[in-house]
Protein backbone atom coordinates (compact mmCIF):
# COMPACT_ATOMS: atom_id res chain seq x y z
CA UNK A 1 117.24 61.48 248.35
CA UNK A 2 113.84 60.65 246.83
CA UNK A 3 115.31 57.55 245.12
CA UNK A 4 116.85 56.17 248.32
CA UNK A 5 113.56 55.40 250.12
CA UNK A 6 112.02 53.27 247.33
CA UNK A 7 115.36 51.45 246.94
CA UNK A 8 115.48 50.70 250.68
CA UNK A 9 111.98 49.23 250.68
CA UNK A 10 112.69 47.26 247.47
CA UNK A 11 115.64 45.58 249.19
CA UNK A 12 113.43 44.68 252.18
CA UNK A 13 110.78 43.17 249.89
CA UNK A 14 113.33 41.12 247.96
CA UNK A 15 114.82 39.69 251.14
CA UNK A 16 111.44 39.14 252.80
CA UNK A 17 109.95 37.36 249.82
CA UNK A 18 112.70 34.74 249.82
CA UNK A 19 113.06 34.50 253.60
CA UNK A 20 109.57 33.80 254.94
CA UNK A 21 109.44 30.04 255.25
CA UNK A 22 107.52 29.22 258.43
CA UNK A 23 105.36 30.74 261.15
CA UNK A 24 107.18 32.97 263.59
CA UNK A 25 109.67 34.50 261.14
CA UNK A 26 108.13 37.98 261.08
CA UNK A 27 107.65 40.14 264.15
CA UNK A 28 105.98 43.50 264.69
CA UNK A 29 106.25 45.62 267.77
CA UNK A 30 107.51 48.82 269.30
CA UNK A 31 110.91 50.29 270.02
CA UNK A 32 111.29 52.89 272.79
CA UNK A 33 114.29 55.18 273.15
CA UNK A 34 116.16 56.67 270.25
CA UNK A 35 114.17 56.13 268.02
CA UNK A 36 110.63 55.51 269.34
CA UNK A 37 107.88 53.91 267.26
CA UNK A 38 106.84 50.78 265.35
CA UNK A 39 109.52 48.22 264.56
CA UNK A 40 109.81 44.89 262.75
CA UNK A 41 112.13 41.90 262.54
CA UNK A 42 112.32 39.31 259.78
CA UNK A 43 114.35 36.18 260.43
CA UNK A 44 116.23 35.30 257.23
CA UNK A 45 117.94 32.20 258.64
CA UNK A 46 118.67 30.41 261.90
CA UNK A 47 121.05 33.15 263.07
CA UNK A 48 120.39 36.11 260.76
CA UNK A 49 117.63 38.69 260.51
CA UNK A 50 116.64 42.04 259.07
CA UNK A 51 115.33 44.52 261.64
CA UNK A 52 114.05 48.03 261.15
CA UNK A 53 111.78 50.80 262.28
CA UNK A 54 109.73 53.66 260.91
CA UNK A 55 109.79 55.80 264.03
CA UNK A 56 110.46 59.20 265.52
CA UNK A 57 113.79 60.56 266.64
CA UNK A 58 113.41 62.49 269.85
CA UNK A 59 116.84 64.13 269.93
CA UNK A 60 117.35 67.91 269.71
CA UNK A 61 115.48 68.08 266.39
CA UNK A 62 112.36 65.93 266.32
CA UNK A 63 112.38 64.06 263.03
CA UNK A 64 111.01 61.02 261.25
CA UNK A 65 113.50 58.15 261.42
CA UNK A 66 113.84 55.07 259.17
CA UNK A 67 116.40 52.37 259.73
CA UNK A 68 117.15 48.89 258.44
CA UNK A 69 119.81 46.58 259.92
CA UNK A 70 121.23 43.19 258.98
CA UNK A 71 121.78 41.25 262.23
CA UNK A 72 123.77 38.14 263.17
CA UNK A 73 122.83 36.35 266.42
CA UNK A 74 125.00 34.27 268.76
CA UNK A 75 122.75 31.87 270.69
CA UNK A 76 125.58 30.26 272.70
CA UNK A 77 127.21 33.31 274.33
CA UNK A 78 124.69 33.58 277.20
CA UNK A 79 122.78 30.61 278.59
CA UNK A 80 119.47 31.08 280.43
CA UNK A 81 117.23 28.62 282.32
CA UNK A 82 114.21 29.11 280.05
CA UNK A 83 114.11 30.48 276.53
CA UNK A 84 117.07 31.94 274.67
CA UNK A 85 119.10 35.12 275.07
CA UNK A 86 121.11 35.68 271.91
CA UNK A 87 123.65 38.48 271.61
CA UNK A 88 123.33 40.19 268.24
CA UNK A 89 125.36 42.59 266.17
CA UNK A 90 125.13 43.93 262.67
CA UNK A 91 125.28 46.79 260.25
CA UNK A 92 122.63 48.95 258.69
CA UNK A 93 121.58 52.37 257.58
CA UNK A 94 119.38 55.15 258.84
CA UNK A 95 117.68 58.19 257.43
CA UNK A 96 116.31 61.04 259.53
CA UNK A 97 114.00 63.57 257.91
CA UNK A 98 114.05 67.01 259.49
CA UNK A 99 111.96 70.11 258.89
CA UNK A 100 113.72 70.97 255.62
CA UNK A 101 115.90 69.22 253.03
CA UNK A 102 119.05 70.57 254.67
CA UNK A 103 118.03 68.86 257.93
CA UNK A 104 117.94 65.32 256.44
CA UNK A 105 120.60 62.95 257.79
CA UNK A 106 121.95 59.71 256.30
CA UNK A 107 124.11 57.44 258.44
CA UNK A 108 125.51 53.97 259.07
CA UNK A 109 124.32 52.02 262.14
CA UNK A 110 126.28 49.30 264.00
CA UNK A 111 123.74 47.73 266.39
CA UNK A 112 124.77 45.53 269.33
CA UNK A 113 122.09 44.04 271.54
CA UNK A 114 120.42 41.27 273.49
CA UNK A 115 117.04 39.70 272.73
CA UNK A 116 115.17 37.45 275.12
CA UNK A 117 113.08 34.81 273.34
CA UNK A 118 110.77 33.07 275.88
CA UNK A 119 109.84 29.39 275.52
CA UNK A 120 106.51 28.71 273.75
CA UNK A 121 105.73 32.42 273.47
CA UNK A 122 105.95 34.29 270.14
CA UNK A 123 107.66 37.34 271.68
CA UNK A 124 111.06 38.93 271.43
CA UNK A 125 112.13 41.45 274.10
CA UNK A 126 115.26 43.37 273.21
CA UNK A 127 117.76 46.00 274.30
CA UNK A 128 120.32 47.55 271.97
CA UNK A 129 123.04 50.16 271.79
CA UNK A 130 123.84 51.53 268.36
CA UNK A 131 126.90 53.57 267.42
CA UNK A 132 126.02 55.68 264.36
CA UNK A 133 128.29 57.32 261.81
CA UNK A 134 126.39 60.09 260.03
CA UNK A 135 127.67 60.74 256.52
CA UNK A 136 125.38 63.43 255.16
CA UNK A 137 124.97 66.44 255.42
CA UNK A 138 128.07 66.31 257.63
CA UNK A 139 130.17 63.59 259.21
CA UNK A 140 129.30 63.05 262.85
CA UNK A 141 129.31 60.24 265.43
CA UNK A 142 126.34 59.47 267.66
CA UNK A 143 125.08 56.64 269.85
CA UNK A 144 121.48 55.48 270.08
CA UNK A 145 119.87 53.13 272.57
CA UNK A 146 116.46 51.52 272.88
CA UNK A 147 114.38 48.73 274.35
CA UNK A 148 111.51 47.03 272.61
CA UNK A 149 109.17 44.11 272.21
CA UNK A 150 107.86 42.30 269.12
CA UNK A 151 105.15 39.72 268.53
CA UNK A 152 106.12 37.06 265.96
CA UNK A 153 103.55 35.75 263.49
């Protein structure tokens, strides 16, 4: 378990180092729901991004929650008058740290969402539903949902 966290952050650093190419690629903000806390998004291409959070899970056992997702965006599915409203989907992982080592949970996330990107404003406003398959300490299925906003630098 202790080796998983440094590996996760190493992967993020490797991708982020090669992906940042222009202003507006990296966003910081907040996600509210399950989980709730700070979140980020790093565009790695015109339609792909890494998104994650270091937040709190507010389900039956309050716990610290980390997740990282690889997302693919479809900018043509929904047309809006101003800005863009891509549909996104992806795959990722999550770790929840409970009160003791037996309470830690590792799972696979499959996020599906919408993100509104206003014209000439460095914001992203999003809503997502995320089916989760927990693998450890026991196999279980869950669904998470959240809304959020990020400011892109």
